[in-house]
C-alpha atoms as a PDB file:
ATOM      1  CA  MET A   1       9.127   6.991  75.322  1.00  0.00           C
ATOM      2  CA  ASP A   2       6.552   5.731  72.822  1.00  0.00           C
ATOM      3  CA  LEU A   3       7.183   2.257  71.401  1.00  0.00           C
ATOM      4  CA  THR A   4       4.878   0.971  68.660  1.00  0.00           C
ATOM      5  CA  PHE A   5       4.594  -2.814  68.516  1.00  0.00           C
ATOM      6  CA  GLU A   6       4.156  -3.632  64.824  1.00  0.00           C
ATOM      7  CA  LYS A   7       4.614  -7.327  65.550  1.00  0.00           C
ATOM      8  CA  GLY A   8       4.043  -8.812  68.969  1.00  0.00           C
ATOM      9  CA  ASN A   9       1.852  -7.680  71.825  1.00  0.00           C
ATOM     10  CA  LYS A  10       2.689  -4.870  74.234  1.00  0.00           C
ATOM     11  CA  ASP A  11       0.827  -6.735  76.975  1.00  0.00           C
ATOM     12  CA  GLN A  12       2.877  -9.896  76.340  1.00  0.00           C
ATOM     13  CA  PRO A  13       6.334  -8.780  75.157  1.00  0.00           C
ATOM     14  CA  LYS A  14       8.760 -11.544  74.183  1.00  0.00           C
ATOM     15  CA  GLY A  15      11.748 -10.029  75.982  1.00  0.00           C
ATOM     16  CA  HIS A  16      13.634  -9.721  72.688  1.00  0.00           C
ATOM     17  CA  ALA A  17      12.851  -7.355  69.843  1.00  0.00           C
ATOM     18  CA  ILE A  18      13.993  -5.808  66.599  1.00  0.00           C
ATOM     19  CA  LEU A  19      13.896  -2.048  67.126  1.00  0.00           C
ATOM     20  CA  TYR A  20      13.843   0.256  64.126  1.00  0.00           C
ATOM     21  CA  TYR A  21      13.942   3.990  63.443  1.00  0.00           C
ATOM     22  CA  LEU A  22      13.466   6.229  60.434  1.00  0.00           C
ATOM     23  CA  ALA A  23      16.202   8.659  59.396  1.00  0.00           C
ATOM     24  CA  GLY A  24      14.836  10.517  56.405  1.00  0.00           C
ATOM     25  CA  ASP A  25      14.143   7.818  53.822  1.00  0.00           C
ATOM     26  CA  LYS A  26      16.466   5.341  55.546  1.00  0.00           C
ATOM     27  CA  ILE A  27      15.583   2.555  57.962  1.00  0.00           C
ATOM     28  CA  LEU A  28      17.949   1.999  60.887  1.00  0.00           C
ATOM     29  CA  ALA A  29      17.638  -0.981  63.214  1.00  0.00           C
ATOM     30  CA  THR A  30      19.134  -2.625  66.269  1.00  0.00           C
ATOM     31  CA  TYR A  31      18.338  -5.691  68.379  1.00  0.00           C
ATOM     32  CA  LEU A  32      17.419  -5.501  72.032  1.00  0.00           C
ATOM     33  CA  ALA A  33      16.976  -8.145  74.695  1.00  0.00           C
ATOM     34  CA  VAL A  34      16.016  -8.398  78.347  1.00  0.00           C
ATOM     35  CA  LEU A  35      17.675 -11.215  80.285  1.00  0.00           C
ATOM     36  CA  PRO A  36      15.156 -13.579  81.914  1.00  0.00           C
ATOM     37  CA  LEU A  37      17.240 -13.679  85.099  1.00  0.00           C
ATOM     38  CA  LYS A  38      19.099 -11.115  87.149  1.00  0.00           C
ATOM     39  CA  LEU A  39      22.821 -11.272  86.367  1.00  0.00           C
ATOM     40  CA  ASP A  40      25.359 -10.003  88.888  1.00  0.00           C
ATOM     41  CA  LEU A  41      28.528  -9.581  86.831  1.00  0.00           C
ATOM     42  CA  SER A  42      30.580  -8.778  89.925  1.00  0.00           C
ATOM     43  CA  LYS A  43      30.472 -12.476  90.837  1.00  0.00           C
ATOM     44  CA  TYR A  44      32.551 -13.325  87.794  1.00  0.00           C
ATOM     45  CA  VAL A  45      35.383 -10.813  88.105  1.00  0.00           C
ATOM     46  CA  PRO A  46      38.309 -10.500  90.555  1.00  0.00           C
ATOM     47  CA  PRO A  47      37.341  -8.949  93.930  1.00  0.00           C
ATOM     48  CA  PHE A  48      39.357  -5.784  93.316  1.00  0.00           C
ATOM     49  CA  LEU A  49      37.204  -5.068  90.239  1.00  0.00           C
ATOM     50  CA  ALA A  50      33.884  -6.047  91.808  1.00  0.00           C
ATOM     51  CA  SER A  51      33.672  -2.939  94.018  1.00  0.00           C
ATOM     52  CA  GLN A  52      34.358  -0.698  91.017  1.00  0.00           C
ATOM     53  CA  MET A  53      31.605  -2.408  89.044  1.00  0.00           C
ATOM     54  CA  LYS A  54      29.107  -1.951  91.846  1.00  0.00           C
ATOM     55  CA  SER A  55      29.937   1.734  92.209  1.00  0.00           C
ATOM     56  CA  SER A  56      29.543   2.256  88.466  1.00  0.00           C
ATOM     57  CA  GLY A  57      26.228   0.414  88.358  1.00  0.00           C
ATOM     58  CA  ILE A  58      27.229  -2.060  85.644  1.00  0.00           C
ATOM     59  CA  ASP A  59      27.219  -5.057  87.985  1.00  0.00           C
ATOM     60  CA  GLU A  60      23.489  -5.589  87.377  1.00  0.00           C
ATOM     61  CA  PHE A  61      23.354  -6.261  83.659  1.00  0.00           C
ATOM     62  CA  SER A  62      19.803  -7.084  82.600  1.00  0.00           C
ATOM     63  CA  SER A  63      18.965  -5.463  79.248  1.00  0.00           C
ATOM     64  CA  PHE A  64      20.927  -4.248  76.250  1.00  0.00           C
ATOM     65  CA  ALA A  65      20.877  -3.365  72.545  1.00  0.00           C
ATOM     66  CA  ILE A  66      23.339  -4.612  69.925  1.00  0.00           C
ATOM     67  CA  PRO A  67      24.513  -2.614  68.052  1.00  0.00           C
ATOM     68  CA  PRO A  68      24.205   0.333  70.493  1.00  0.00           C
ATOM     69  CA  VAL A  69      23.727   2.701  67.535  1.00  0.00           C
ATOM     70  CA  PRO A  70      21.165   1.497  64.962  1.00  0.00           C
ATOM     71  CA  GLU A  71      22.503   0.379  61.587  1.00  0.00           C
ATOM     72  CA  GLU A  72      20.952   0.928  58.163  1.00  0.00           C
ATOM     73  CA  ILE A  73      18.729  -1.835  56.773  1.00  0.00           C
ATOM     74  CA  GLU A  74      17.922  -1.895  53.065  1.00  0.00           C
ATOM     75  CA  HIS A  75      14.386  -3.264  53.155  1.00  0.00           C
ATOM     76  CA  PHE A  76      11.705  -3.080  55.837  1.00  0.00           C
ATOM     77  CA  GLU A  77      10.237  -6.344  54.514  1.00  0.00           C
ATOM     78  CA  TYR A  78      13.414  -8.093  55.641  1.00  0.00           C
ATOM     79  CA  LEU A  79      12.822  -6.943  59.227  1.00  0.00           C
ATOM     80  CA  GLU A  80       9.248  -8.244  59.065  1.00  0.00           C
ATOM     81  CA  ARG A  81      10.307 -11.653  57.772  1.00  0.00           C
ATOM     82  CA  LEU A  82      13.146 -11.837  60.283  1.00  0.00           C
ATOM     83  CA  ALA A  83      10.841 -11.005  63.200  1.00  0.00           C
ATOM     84  CA  ASP A  84       8.363 -13.678  62.070  1.00  0.00           C
ATOM     85  CA  PHE A  85      11.067 -16.290  61.639  1.00  0.00           C
ATOM     86  CA  ARG A  86      12.785 -15.614  64.964  1.00  0.00           C
ATOM     87  CA  GLY A  87       9.635 -14.907  66.966  1.00  0.00           C
ATOM     88  CA  ASP A  88      10.824 -11.397  67.875  1.00  0.00           C
ATOM     89  CA  ASP A  89       8.752  -8.345  68.668  1.00  0.00           C
ATOM     90  CA  LEU A  90       9.096  -5.730  65.911  1.00  0.00           C
ATOM     91  CA  ILE A  91       9.013  -2.205  67.328  1.00  0.00           C
ATOM     92  CA  TYR A  92       8.991   1.252  65.776  1.00  0.00           C
ATOM     93  CA  ALA A  93      10.701   3.787  68.050  1.00  0.00           C
ATOM     94  CA  GLY A  94      10.402   6.985  66.011  1.00  0.00           C
ATOM     95  CA  THR A  95      12.936   9.045  64.100  1.00  0.00           C
ATOM     96  CA  VAL A  96      16.652   9.416  64.675  1.00  0.00           C
ATOM     97  CA  ARG A  97      19.459  11.570  63.286  1.00  0.00           C
ATOM     98  CA  GLU A  98      21.931   9.427  61.410  1.00  0.00           C
ATOM     99  CA  ASP A  99      24.604  12.153  61.655  1.00  0.00           C
ATOM    100  CA  ASP A 100      24.468  12.243  65.478  1.00  0.00           C
ATOM    101  CA  PRO A 101      25.502   8.786  66.752  1.00  0.00           C
ATOM    102  CA  LEU A 102      25.693   9.922  70.378  1.00  0.00           C
ATOM    103  CA  GLU A 103      22.098  11.117  70.361  1.00  0.00           C
ATOM    104  CA  ALA A 104      21.057   7.961  68.499  1.00  0.00           C
ATOM    105  CA  ALA A 105      22.733   5.828  71.171  1.00  0.00           C
ATOM    106  CA  ASN A 106      20.876   7.757  73.883  1.00  0.00           C
ATOM    107  CA  GLN A 107      17.574   7.164  72.097  1.00  0.00           C
ATOM    108  CA  VAL A 108      18.315   3.458  71.841  1.00  0.00           C
ATOM    109  CA  ASN A 109      19.192   3.338  75.536  1.00  0.00           C
ATOM    110  CA  ASP A 110      15.889   5.025  76.413  1.00  0.00           C
ATOM    111  CA  ALA A 111      14.054   2.488  74.253  1.00  0.00           C
ATOM    112  CA  VAL A 112      15.841  -0.397  75.963  1.00  0.00           C
ATOM    113  CA  GLN A 113      14.834   0.897  79.400  1.00  0.00           C
ATOM    114  CA  THR A 114      11.229   1.400  78.295  1.00  0.00           C
ATOM    115  CA  TYR A 115      10.999  -2.066  76.743  1.00  0.00           C
ATOM    116  CA  ALA A 116      12.625  -3.666  79.796  1.00  0.00           C
ATOM    117  CA  SER A 117      10.081  -1.969  82.040  1.00  0.00           C
ATOM    118  CA  ILE A 118       7.191  -3.188  79.859  1.00  0.00           C
ATOM    119  CA  TYR A 119       8.606  -6.720  79.912  1.00  0.00           C
ATOM    120  CA  GLN A 120       9.178  -6.814  83.672  1.00  0.00           C
ATOM    121  CA  ASN A 121       5.669  -5.523  84.349  1.00  0.00           C
ATOM    122  CA  ALA A 122       4.233  -8.238  82.097  1.00  0.00           C
ATOM    123  CA  VAL A 123       6.285 -10.959  83.799  1.00  0.00           C
ATOM    124  CA  HIS A 124       5.144  -9.713  87.193  1.00  0.00           C
ATOM    125  CA  GLU A 125       1.510 -10.102  86.104  1.00  0.00           C
ATOM    126  CA  ILE A 126       1.917 -13.797  85.204  1.00  0.00           C
ATOM    127  CA  SER A 127       4.143 -14.762  88.124  1.00  0.00           C
ATOM    128  CA  PRO A 128       2.950 -16.210  91.449  1.00  0.00           C
ATOM    129  CA  SER A 129       1.793 -13.527  93.888  1.00  0.00           C
ATOM    130  CA  HIS A 130       4.584 -11.416  95.363  1.00  0.00           C
ATOM    131  CA  SER A 131       4.620  -8.319  97.504  1.00  0.00           C
ATOM    132  CA  SER A 132       4.157  -5.149  95.480  1.00  0.00           C
ATOM    133  CA  ASP A 133       7.775  -4.106  95.966  1.00  0.00           C
ATOM    134  CA  SER A 134       9.354  -7.383  94.836  1.00  0.00           C
ATOM    135  CA  SER A 135      10.151  -8.603  91.339  1.00  0.00           C
ATOM    136  CA  PRO A 136       9.987 -12.218  90.082  1.00  0.00           C
ATOM    137  CA  MET A 137      13.523 -11.706  88.814  1.00  0.00           C
ATOM    138  CA  ASP A 138      14.997 -10.386  92.086  1.00  0.00           C
ATOM    139  CA  SER A 139      16.612 -13.714  92.931  1.00  0.00           C
ATOM    140  CA  ALA A 140      17.484 -16.867  91.012  1.00  0.00           C
ATOM    141  CA  SER A 141      16.850 -18.787  94.239  1.00  0.00           C
ATOM    142  CA  ASP A 142      13.119 -18.550  93.493  1.00  0.00           C
ATOM    143  CA  LEU A 143      13.643 -20.768  90.460  1.00  0.00           C
ATOM    144  CA  ASP A 144      14.238 -24.468  90.190  1.00  0.00           C
ATOM    145  CA  VAL A 145      17.874 -25.315  89.455  1.00  0.00           C
ATOM    146  CA  GLY A 146      16.792 -26.931  86.197  1.00  0.00           C
ATOM    147  CA  GLU A 147      15.069 -23.731  85.122  1.00  0.00           C
ATOM    148  CA  VAL A 148      18.188 -21.716  85.886  1.00  0.00           C
ATOM    149  CA  MET A 149      20.424 -24.034  83.888  1.00  0.00           C
ATOM    150  CA  LEU A 150      18.080 -24.001  80.903  1.00  0.00           C
ATOM    151  CA  SER A 151      17.856 -20.222  80.900  1.00  0.00           C
ATOM    152  CA  LEU A 152      21.644 -20.024  80.573  1.00  0.00           C
ATOM    153  CA  MET A 153      21.869 -22.453  77.657  1.00  0.00           C
ATOM    154  CA  SER A 154      21.997 -21.405  74.011  1.00  0.00           C
ATOM    155  CA  GLU A 155      19.099 -22.440  71.781  1.00  0.00           C
ATOM    156  CA  ARG A 156      21.276 -25.049  70.055  1.00  0.00           C
ATOM    157  CA  ASP A 157      22.321 -26.508  73.425  1.00  0.00           C
ATOM    158  CA  LYS A 158      18.664 -26.730  74.425  1.00  0.00           C
ATOM    159  CA  LEU A 159      17.966 -28.702  71.253  1.00  0.00           C
ATOM    160  CA  GLY A 160      20.813 -31.047  72.170  1.00  0.00           C
ATOM    161  CA  GLU A 161      19.185 -31.563  75.563  1.00  0.00           C
ATOM    162  CA  LEU A 162      15.843 -32.122  73.818  1.00  0.00           C
ATOM    163  CA  ALA A 163      17.378 -34.871  71.670  1.00  0.00           C
ATOM    164  CA  LYS A 164      18.630 -36.652  74.811  1.00  0.00           C
ATOM    165  CA  LEU A 165      15.234 -36.419  76.496  1.00  0.00           C
ATOM    166  CA  LEU A 166      13.469 -37.699  73.375  1.00  0.00           C
ATOM    167  CA  SER A 167      15.776 -40.730  73.340  1.00  0.00           C
ATOM    168  CA  LYS A 168      14.912 -41.304  76.992  1.00  0.00           C
ATOM    169  CA  LEU A 169      11.199 -41.033  76.201  1.00  0.00           C
ATOM    170  CA  GLN A 170      11.506 -43.401  73.247  1.00  0.00           C
ATOM    171  CA  PHE A 171      13.279 -45.953  75.449  1.00  0.00           C
ATOM    172  CA  ALA A 172      10.486 -45.645  78.031  1.00  0.00           C
ATOM    173  CA  VAL A 173       7.761 -46.030  75.392  1.00  0.00           C
ATOM    174  CA  GLU A 174       9.394 -49.116  73.885  1.00  0.00           C
ATOM    175  CA  GLY A 175       9.746 -50.623  77.365  1.00  0.00           C
ATOM    176  CA  THR A 176       6.200 -49.579  78.371  1.00  0.00           C
ATOM    177  CA  ASP A 177       7.653 -47.967  81.485  1.00  0.00           C
ATOM    178  CA  ASP A 178       4.847 -45.621  82.546  1.00  0.00           C
ATOM    179  CA  ARG A 179       6.859 -44.002  85.335  1.00  0.00           C
ATOM    180  CA  LEU A 180       9.766 -43.198  83.041  1.00  0.00           C
ATOM    181  CA  ILE A 181       7.386 -41.990  80.317  1.00  0.00           C
ATOM    182  CA  GLU A 182       5.791 -39.510  82.721  1.00  0.00           C
ATOM    183  CA  GLU A 183       9.186 -38.388  84.031  1.00  0.00           C
ATOM    184  CA  SER A 184      10.533 -37.859  80.501  1.00  0.00           C
ATOM    185  CA  LYS A 185       7.481 -35.887  79.423  1.00  0.00           C
ATOM    186  CA  ASP A 186       7.724 -33.669  82.509  1.00  0.00           C
ATOM    187  CA  GLU A 187      11.365 -32.902  81.706  1.00  0.00           C
ATOM    188  CA  ILE A 188      10.516 -32.129  78.083  1.00  0.00           C
ATOM    189  CA  THR A 189       7.644 -29.876  79.186  1.00  0.00           C
ATOM    190  CA  LEU A 190      10.073 -27.904  81.362  1.00  0.00           C
ATOM    191  CA  LEU A 191      12.521 -27.592  78.473  1.00  0.00           C
ATOM    192  CA  ALA A 192       9.764 -26.555  76.051  1.00  0.00           C
ATOM    193  CA  LYS A 193       9.067 -23.468  78.190  1.00  0.00           C
ATOM    194  CA  HIS A 194      12.504 -22.196  77.167  1.00  0.00           C
ATOM    195  CA  LEU A 195      12.086 -22.774  73.425  1.00  0.00           C
ATOM    196  CA  PRO A 196       9.907 -20.842  70.937  1.00  0.00           C
ATOM    197  CA  GLU A 197       6.681 -22.435  69.692  1.00  0.00           C
ATOM    198  CA  LYS A 198       8.131 -22.628  66.171  1.00  0.00           C
ATOM    199  CA  TYR A 199       9.965 -25.834  67.184  1.00  0.00           C
ATOM    200  CA  HIS A 200       6.654 -27.719  67.620  1.00  0.00           C
ATOM    201  CA  ILE A 201       7.872 -29.634  70.678  1.00  0.00           C
ATOM    202  CA  SER A 202       4.435 -31.081  71.478  1.00  0.00           C
ATOM    203  CA  GLN A 203       4.211 -32.630  68.007  1.00  0.00           C
ATOM    204  CA  ILE A 204       7.624 -34.256  68.442  1.00  0.00           C
ATOM    205  CA  VAL A 205       6.529 -35.716  71.783  1.00  0.00           C
ATOM    206  CA  ASP A 206       3.314 -37.037  70.213  1.00  0.00           C
ATOM    207  CA  ALA A 207       5.324 -38.743  67.476  1.00  0.00           C
ATOM    208  CA  VAL A 208       7.827 -40.316  69.892  1.00  0.00           C
ATOM    209  CA  SER A 209       4.944 -41.531  72.069  1.00  0.00           C
ATOM    210  CA  GLN A 210       3.610 -43.664  69.192  1.00  0.00           C
ATOM    211  CA  PRO A 211       5.523 -46.984  69.082  1.00  0.00           C
ATOM    212  CA  SER A 212       5.727 -47.412  65.317  1.00  0.00           C
ATOM    213  CA  PRO A 213       8.514 -47.069  62.717  1.00  0.00           C
ATOM    214  CA  LYS A 214       6.705 -44.269  60.856  1.00  0.00           C
ATOM    215  CA  SER A 215       6.122 -42.293  64.037  1.00  0.00           C
ATOM    216  CA  SER A 216       9.776 -42.714  64.933  1.00  0.00           C
ATOM    217  CA  GLN A 217      10.762 -41.421  61.495  1.00  0.00           C
ATOM    218  CA  LEU A 218       8.357 -38.498  61.897  1.00  0.00           C
ATOM    219  CA  ALA A 219       9.946 -37.600  65.237  1.00  0.00           C
ATOM    220  CA  GLN A 220      13.380 -37.712  63.626  1.00  0.00           C
ATOM    221  CA  PHE A 221      12.222 -35.383  60.844  1.00  0.00           C
ATOM    222  CA  TYR A 222      10.783 -32.967  63.422  1.00  0.00           C
ATOM    223  CA  LEU A 223      14.074 -32.942  65.325  1.00  0.00           C
ATOM    224  CA  GLU A 224      16.011 -32.320  62.107  1.00  0.00           C
ATOM    225  CA  ARG A 225      13.569 -29.481  61.398  1.00  0.00           C
ATOM    226  CA  CYS A 226      14.508 -27.900  64.747  1.00  0.00           C
ATOM    227  CA  TYR A 227      18.169 -27.843  63.773  1.00  0.00           C
ATOM    228  CA  LYS A 228      17.369 -26.391  60.327  1.00  0.00           C
ATOM    229  CA  ILE A 229      15.510 -23.573  62.077  1.00  0.00           C
ATOM    230  CA  VAL A 230      18.219 -22.786  64.631  1.00  0.00           C
ATOM    231  CA  ASP A 231      20.829 -22.802  61.838  1.00  0.00           C
ATOM    232  CA  GLU A 232      18.518 -20.633  59.673  1.00  0.00           C
ATOM    233  CA  ASN A 233      18.879 -23.180  56.863  1.00  0.00           C
ATOM    234  CA  LEU A 234      15.736 -22.086  55.054  1.00  0.00           C
ATOM    235  CA  ASP A 235      16.521 -23.817  51.752  1.00  0.00           C
ATOM    236  CA  ASP A 236      16.566 -27.320  53.248  1.00  0.00           C
ATOM    237  CA  LEU A 237      13.780 -26.489  55.713  1.00  0.00           C
ATOM    238  CA  GLY A 238      11.132 -26.260  52.989  1.00  0.00           C
ATOM    239  CA  GLU A 239      11.991 -29.689  51.590  1.00  0.00           C
ATOM    240  CA  LEU A 240      12.021 -31.241  55.052  1.00  0.00           C
ATOM    241  CA  GLU A 241       8.579 -29.830  55.867  1.00  0.00           C
ATOM    242  CA  LYS A 242       7.225 -31.419  52.674  1.00  0.00           C
ATOM    243  CA  MET A 243       8.606 -34.765  53.845  1.00  0.00           C
ATOM    244  CA  ILE A 244       6.963 -34.251  57.241  1.00  0.00           C
ATOM    245  CA  GLU A 245       3.634 -33.462  55.590  1.00  0.00           C
ATOM    246  CA  GLU A 246       3.829 -36.593  53.433  1.00  0.00           C
ATOM    247  CA  LEU A 247       4.677 -38.771  56.419  1.00  0.00           C
ATOM    248  CA  HIS A 248       1.823 -37.217  58.397  1.00  0.00           C
ATOM    249  CA  LYS A 249      -0.602 -38.438  55.734  1.00  0.00           C
ATOM    250  CA  GLU A 250       0.704 -41.957  56.255  1.00  0.00           C
ATOM    251  CA  THR A 251       0.661 -41.647  60.050  1.00  0.00           C
ATOM    252  CA  PRO A 252      -2.770 -40.219  60.999  1.00  0.00           C
ATOM    253  CA  GLU A 253      -2.540 -41.420  64.601  1.00  0.00           C
ATOM    254  CA  SER A 254       0.351 -38.967  65.287  1.00  0.00           C
ATOM    255  CA  SER A 255      -1.521 -35.878  64.103  1.00  0.00           C
END
């Protein structure tokens, strides 16, 4: 199946994408995602159901599209803005018949499998060397426990964890505890791998690392900005970014 990446890079897929089709003069879209870790659903159901799941093949749940049949979207520009805001790939998958939902669902399923394959191939390229017949996602045991826990957290929960780590870093900076500073930064670096770049984690760390009231205020504004983004509170976000810009002018050492 041919997938056209209108936003994003086919060589570096995000693992989550807005997928759209054309049906005459209508635009239909769905959202697809590939889980970063292998999930064995049979572990979380009673034993008498586990064998049925394995025989049906649904025990290994790794990629999906919601909704399974694409829904109509009024404006293509909205999809573009949404993809930019969320950091999603935006993919054109061809035409679809709106009056044949079963066929549309099959097309979406094919697109999900194609995208998942592209994603897994890309991940394999950036992972440590493995044998040609193994996948970096074959076993969660290859990952640090902290990585596993972070991958299972929601974006809002990750921001909550970030707030705790920033408090720890601030305490270390104020106490000039170099060991604790390094430890805190390492933990934040690990967490940052599981958050999109739009949260500007490195800038927050830079601000917290400067022991001054203005830098502390700047870090607080950055953290508030993260929550505005995750809540999609765009109205207040613009005003907050103006405040950040003004404070940056007064705090050149944190730039």
